[in-house]
């Protein structure tokens, strides 16, 4: 992913108003992010524990941002869920169902799309082995890392396309 500025990020949101996008909390470490290892930029809203944000650069070069909501449900440690973006398995609340309001008229009517995704939004790092999940969190695959990255990007693009 190419390096994004705060203006790039704020201008990319498709499911909130321009005013809402201007008020979103930005990550403070944009200059320190490993952009070359990211398929998307994701961060949690520390002031609102049920909100997260995701910004991705699509294959056509467009940058698309979405505001996400998720329930603050705590699951037992023995419960395991798989991220539908990077296919990493996490115990407890390591995977969350995050929902995004659809863009346009459908969003104004209250329609949304959901996605099970790593709660810490570190899918890119899990796929590349830069961040390790709990033991057993990544299955051994016959796909190369590059193929897994392409699958991750495709899964994310599919979600964004439904918005």
C-alpha atoms as a PDB file:
ATOM      1  CA  UNK A   1       0.000   0.000   0.000  1.00  0.00           C
ATOM      2  CA  UNK A   2       1.269   3.473  -0.741  1.00  0.00           C
ATOM      3  CA  UNK A   3       1.819   5.962   2.072  1.00  0.00           C
ATOM      4  CA  UNK A   4      -1.323   7.979   2.783  1.00  0.00           C
ATOM      5  CA  UNK A   5      -1.636  11.430   4.276  1.00  0.00           C
ATOM      6  CA  UNK A   6      -4.321  12.512   6.699  1.00  0.00           C
ATOM      7  CA  UNK A   7      -6.059  14.357   3.830  1.00  0.00           C
ATOM      8  CA  UNK A   8      -5.976  11.199   1.666  1.00  0.00           C
ATOM      9  CA  UNK A   9      -7.537   9.232   4.508  1.00  0.00           C
ATOM     10  CA  UNK A  10     -10.238  11.760   5.406  1.00  0.00           C
ATOM     11  CA  UNK A  11     -11.232  12.166   1.749  1.00  0.00           C
ATOM     12  CA  UNK A  12     -11.572   8.417   1.191  1.00  0.00           C
ATOM     13  CA  UNK A  13     -14.569   7.603   3.406  1.00  0.00           C
ATOM     14  CA  UNK A  14     -17.577   6.381   1.451  1.00  0.00           C
ATOM     15  CA  UNK A  15     -20.025   5.643   4.251  1.00  0.00           C
ATOM     16  CA  UNK A  16     -20.015   8.831   6.282  1.00  0.00           C
ATOM     17  CA  UNK A  17     -20.478  12.524   5.583  1.00  0.00           C
ATOM     18  CA  UNK A  18     -17.559  14.837   4.885  1.00  0.00           C
ATOM     19  CA  UNK A  19     -18.149  16.438   8.282  1.00  0.00           C
ATOM     20  CA  UNK A  20     -18.037  13.062  10.031  1.00  0.00           C
ATOM     21  CA  UNK A  21     -14.855  12.183   8.127  1.00  0.00           C
ATOM     22  CA  UNK A  22     -13.246  15.445   9.266  1.00  0.00           C
ATOM     23  CA  UNK A  23     -14.032  14.621  12.912  1.00  0.00           C
ATOM     24  CA  UNK A  24     -12.725  11.038  12.849  1.00  0.00           C
ATOM     25  CA  UNK A  25      -9.766  10.399  15.146  1.00  0.00           C
ATOM     26  CA  UNK A  26      -6.648   9.730  13.102  1.00  0.00           C
ATOM     27  CA  UNK A  27      -3.861   7.337  14.047  1.00  0.00           C
ATOM     28  CA  UNK A  28      -0.986   9.319  15.505  1.00  0.00           C
ATOM     29  CA  UNK A  29       1.674   7.072  14.029  1.00  0.00           C
ATOM     30  CA  UNK A  30       1.021   7.460  10.281  1.00  0.00           C
ATOM     31  CA  UNK A  31       4.715   8.211   9.653  1.00  0.00           C
ATOM     32  CA  UNK A  32       5.744   5.023  11.475  1.00  0.00           C
ATOM     33  CA  UNK A  33       3.332   2.582   9.808  1.00  0.00           C
ATOM     34  CA  UNK A  34       4.948  -0.197   7.732  1.00  0.00           C
ATOM     35  CA  UNK A  35       3.107   0.937   4.574  1.00  0.00           C
ATOM     36  CA  UNK A  36       4.972  -1.473   2.291  1.00  0.00           C
ATOM     37  CA  UNK A  37       3.626  -4.371   4.398  1.00  0.00           C
ATOM     38  CA  UNK A  38       0.010  -3.161   4.604  1.00  0.00           C
ATOM     39  CA  UNK A  39      -2.908  -4.168   2.409  1.00  0.00           C
ATOM     40  CA  UNK A  40      -5.069  -1.687   4.303  1.00  0.00           C
ATOM     41  CA  UNK A  41      -4.783   0.796   7.128  1.00  0.00           C
ATOM     42  CA  UNK A  42      -6.982  -0.089  10.085  1.00  0.00           C
ATOM     43  CA  UNK A  43      -7.305   1.501  13.493  1.00  0.00           C
ATOM     44  CA  UNK A  44      -9.599   1.507  16.515  1.00  0.00           C
ATOM     45  CA  UNK A  45     -11.271   4.594  17.931  1.00  0.00           C
ATOM     46  CA  UNK A  46      -9.891   4.753  21.472  1.00  0.00           C
ATOM     47  CA  UNK A  47     -12.623   7.174  22.567  1.00  0.00           C
ATOM     48  CA  UNK A  48     -15.435   4.939  21.242  1.00  0.00           C
ATOM     49  CA  UNK A  49     -14.639   1.251  21.845  1.00  0.00           C
ATOM     50  CA  UNK A  50     -17.287   0.059  19.368  1.00  0.00           C
ATOM     51  CA  UNK A  51     -15.782   1.893  16.368  1.00  0.00           C
ATOM     52  CA  UNK A  52     -12.968   1.143  13.966  1.00  0.00           C
ATOM     53  CA  UNK A  53     -11.861   2.509  10.624  1.00  0.00           C
ATOM     54  CA  UNK A  54     -10.398   0.846   7.577  1.00  0.00           C
ATOM     55  CA  UNK A  55      -8.805   2.481   4.512  1.00  0.00           C
ATOM     56  CA  UNK A  56      -7.654   0.429   1.514  1.00  0.00           C
ATOM     57  CA  UNK A  57      -6.086   1.169  -1.827  1.00  0.00           C
ATOM     58  CA  UNK A  58      -7.926  -0.781  -4.532  1.00  0.00           C
ATOM     59  CA  UNK A  59      -6.294  -2.306  -7.599  1.00  0.00           C
ATOM     60  CA  UNK A  60      -7.495   0.620  -9.733  1.00  0.00           C
ATOM     61  CA  UNK A  61      -5.637   3.062  -7.451  1.00  0.00           C
ATOM     62  CA  UNK A  62      -8.708   4.429  -5.668  1.00  0.00           C
ATOM     63  CA  UNK A  63      -8.484   4.801  -1.906  1.00  0.00           C
ATOM     64  CA  UNK A  64     -11.645   3.728  -0.072  1.00  0.00           C
ATOM     65  CA  UNK A  65     -12.284   4.264   3.618  1.00  0.00           C
ATOM     66  CA  UNK A  66     -15.101   2.872   5.746  1.00  0.00           C
ATOM     67  CA  UNK A  67     -16.268   3.486   9.279  1.00  0.00           C
ATOM     68  CA  UNK A  68     -16.986   0.211  11.088  1.00  0.00           C
ATOM     69  CA  UNK A  69     -18.948  -0.671  14.207  1.00  0.00           C
ATOM     70  CA  UNK A  70     -18.739  -3.800  16.272  1.00  0.00           C
ATOM     71  CA  UNK A  71     -20.273  -5.040  19.494  1.00  0.00           C
ATOM     72  CA  UNK A  72     -18.167  -5.019  22.620  1.00  0.00           C
ATOM     73  CA  UNK A  73     -19.001  -8.658  23.291  1.00  0.00           C
ATOM     74  CA  UNK A  74     -16.434 -10.587  25.284  1.00  0.00           C
ATOM     75  CA  UNK A  75     -16.227 -14.243  24.354  1.00  0.00           C
ATOM     76  CA  UNK A  76     -14.693 -17.000  26.402  1.00  0.00           C
ATOM     77  CA  UNK A  77     -11.080 -17.849  25.694  1.00  0.00           C
ATOM     78  CA  UNK A  78     -12.061 -21.315  24.448  1.00  0.00           C
ATOM     79  CA  UNK A  79     -14.177 -19.833  21.673  1.00  0.00           C
ATOM     80  CA  UNK A  80     -12.204 -19.530  18.417  1.00  0.00           C
ATOM     81  CA  UNK A  81     -13.185 -17.604  15.277  1.00  0.00           C
ATOM     82  CA  UNK A  82     -11.618 -17.178  11.853  1.00  0.00           C
ATOM     83  CA  UNK A  83     -11.089 -13.837  10.137  1.00  0.00           C
ATOM     84  CA  UNK A  84     -12.785 -13.841   6.739  1.00  0.00           C
ATOM     85  CA  UNK A  85     -10.137 -11.489   5.301  1.00  0.00           C
ATOM     86  CA  UNK A  86      -6.814 -13.147   6.194  1.00  0.00           C
ATOM     87  CA  UNK A  87      -8.092 -16.539   7.463  1.00  0.00           C
ATOM     88  CA  UNK A  88      -6.292 -16.213  10.800  1.00  0.00           C
ATOM     89  CA  UNK A  89      -7.926 -17.963  13.764  1.00  0.00           C
ATOM     90  CA  UNK A  90      -8.079 -16.140  17.099  1.00  0.00           C
ATOM     91  CA  UNK A  91      -9.372 -17.184  20.521  1.00  0.00           C
ATOM     92  CA  UNK A  92     -11.913 -15.164  22.459  1.00  0.00           C
ATOM     93  CA  UNK A  93     -12.670 -11.746  21.033  1.00  0.00           C
ATOM     94  CA  UNK A  94      -9.746 -11.756  18.560  1.00  0.00           C
ATOM     95  CA  UNK A  95     -12.199 -11.780  15.643  1.00  0.00           C
ATOM     96  CA  UNK A  96     -15.214  -9.463  15.588  1.00  0.00           C
ATOM     97  CA  UNK A  97     -18.207  -9.031  13.332  1.00  0.00           C
ATOM     98  CA  UNK A  98     -17.734  -5.469  12.151  1.00  0.00           C
ATOM     99  CA  UNK A  99     -20.468  -3.754  10.221  1.00  0.00           C
ATOM    100  CA  UNK A 100     -20.256  -0.839   7.832  1.00  0.00           C
ATOM    101  CA  UNK A 101     -23.168   1.341   6.843  1.00  0.00           C
ATOM    102  CA  UNK A 102     -23.655   1.154   3.080  1.00  0.00           C
ATOM    103  CA  UNK A 103     -22.923   4.242   1.032  1.00  0.00           C
ATOM    104  CA  UNK A 104     -25.559   6.407  -0.599  1.00  0.00           C
ATOM    105  CA  UNK A 105     -29.317   5.974  -0.328  1.00  0.00           C
ATOM    106  CA  UNK A 106     -29.063   2.416   1.021  1.00  0.00           C
ATOM    107  CA  UNK A 107     -26.909   3.584   3.916  1.00  0.00           C
ATOM    108  CA  UNK A 108     -29.283   6.425   4.718  1.00  0.00           C
ATOM    109  CA  UNK A 109     -32.050   3.802   4.867  1.00  0.00           C
ATOM    110  CA  UNK A 110     -30.057   1.915   7.512  1.00  0.00           C
ATOM    111  CA  UNK A 111     -28.602  -0.901   5.389  1.00  0.00           C
ATOM    112  CA  UNK A 112     -25.213  -2.272   6.321  1.00  0.00           C
ATOM    113  CA  UNK A 113     -22.754  -5.021   5.418  1.00  0.00           C
ATOM    114  CA  UNK A 114     -20.869  -7.141   7.932  1.00  0.00           C
ATOM    115  CA  UNK A 115     -17.499  -8.855   7.944  1.00  0.00           C
ATOM    116  CA  UNK A 116     -15.714 -11.106  10.440  1.00  0.00           C
ATOM    117  CA  UNK A 117     -12.251  -9.572  10.740  1.00  0.00           C
ATOM    118  CA  UNK A 118      -9.310  -9.559  13.157  1.00  0.00           C
ATOM    119  CA  UNK A 119     -10.317  -7.195  15.963  1.00  0.00           C
ATOM    120  CA  UNK A 120      -6.855  -5.592  15.933  1.00  0.00           C
ATOM    121  CA  UNK A 121      -7.110  -5.076  12.127  1.00  0.00           C
ATOM    122  CA  UNK A 122      -3.604  -6.519  11.661  1.00  0.00           C
ATOM    123  CA  UNK A 123      -4.533  -8.958   8.864  1.00  0.00           C
ATOM    124  CA  UNK A 124      -1.699  -7.755   6.614  1.00  0.00           C
ATOM    125  CA  UNK A 125       0.876  -8.456   9.300  1.00  0.00           C
ATOM    126  CA  UNK A 126      -0.516 -11.927  10.126  1.00  0.00           C
ATOM    127  CA  UNK A 127      -0.415 -13.002   6.463  1.00  0.00           C
ATOM    128  CA  UNK A 128       3.199 -11.853   6.102  1.00  0.00           C
ATOM    129  CA  UNK A 129       4.303 -13.420   9.399  1.00  0.00           C
ATOM    130  CA  UNK A 130       5.193  -9.958  10.770  1.00  0.00           C
ATOM    131  CA  UNK A 131       2.814 -10.472  13.693  1.00  0.00           C
ATOM    132  CA  UNK A 132       2.135 -13.861  15.202  1.00  0.00           C
ATOM    133  CA  UNK A 133      -1.293 -14.912  16.420  1.00  0.00           C
ATOM    134  CA  UNK A 134      -1.890 -17.364  19.237  1.00  0.00           C
ATOM    135  CA  UNK A 135      -0.471 -20.848  18.536  1.00  0.00           C
ATOM    136  CA  UNK A 136      -2.565 -22.571  15.878  1.00  0.00           C
ATOM    137  CA  UNK A 137      -3.822 -19.235  14.551  1.00  0.00           C
ATOM    138  CA  UNK A 138      -2.402 -19.639  11.058  1.00  0.00           C
ATOM    139  CA  UNK A 139      -2.862 -22.852   9.138  1.00  0.00           C
ATOM    140  CA  UNK A 140      -0.022 -24.206   7.057  1.00  0.00           C
ATOM    141  CA  UNK A 141      -1.009 -23.528   3.463  1.00  0.00           C
ATOM    142  CA  UNK A 142       0.223 -24.651   0.089  1.00  0.00           C
ATOM    143  CA  UNK A 143      -0.213 -21.082  -1.208  1.00  0.00           C
ATOM    144  CA  UNK A 144       2.804 -18.806  -1.288  1.00  0.00           C
ATOM    145  CA  UNK A 145       2.797 -15.679   0.870  1.00  0.00           C
ATOM    146  CA  UNK A 146       2.234 -13.615  -2.289  1.00  0.00           C
ATOM    147  CA  UNK A 147      -0.842 -15.723  -3.137  1.00  0.00           C
ATOM    148  CA  UNK A 148      -2.134 -15.351   0.424  1.00  0.00           C
ATOM    149  CA  UNK A 149      -1.662 -11.575   0.151  1.00  0.00           C
ATOM    150  CA  UNK A 150      -3.648 -11.555  -3.102  1.00  0.00           C
ATOM    151  CA  UNK A 151      -6.406 -13.610  -1.466  1.00  0.00           C
ATOM    152  CA  UNK A 152      -6.488 -11.196   1.485  1.00  0.00           C
ATOM    153  CA  UNK A 153      -6.767  -8.212  -0.861  1.00  0.00           C
ATOM    154  CA  UNK A 154      -9.468  -9.975  -2.858  1.00  0.00           C
ATOM    155  CA  UNK A 155     -11.487 -10.792   0.270  1.00  0.00           C
ATOM    156  CA  UNK A 156     -11.269  -7.177   1.399  1.00  0.00           C
ATOM    157  CA  UNK A 157     -12.133  -5.824  -2.077  1.00  0.00           C
ATOM    158  CA  UNK A 158     -15.185  -8.095  -2.122  1.00  0.00           C
ATOM    159  CA  UNK A 159     -16.377  -6.605   1.165  1.00  0.00           C
ATOM    160  CA  UNK A 160     -15.747  -3.026   0.013  1.00  0.00           C
ATOM    161  CA  UNK A 161     -17.560  -3.743  -3.255  1.00  0.00           C
ATOM    162  CA  UNK A 162     -20.713  -4.659  -1.357  1.00  0.00           C
ATOM    163  CA  UNK A 163     -20.790  -1.202   0.236  1.00  0.00           C
END
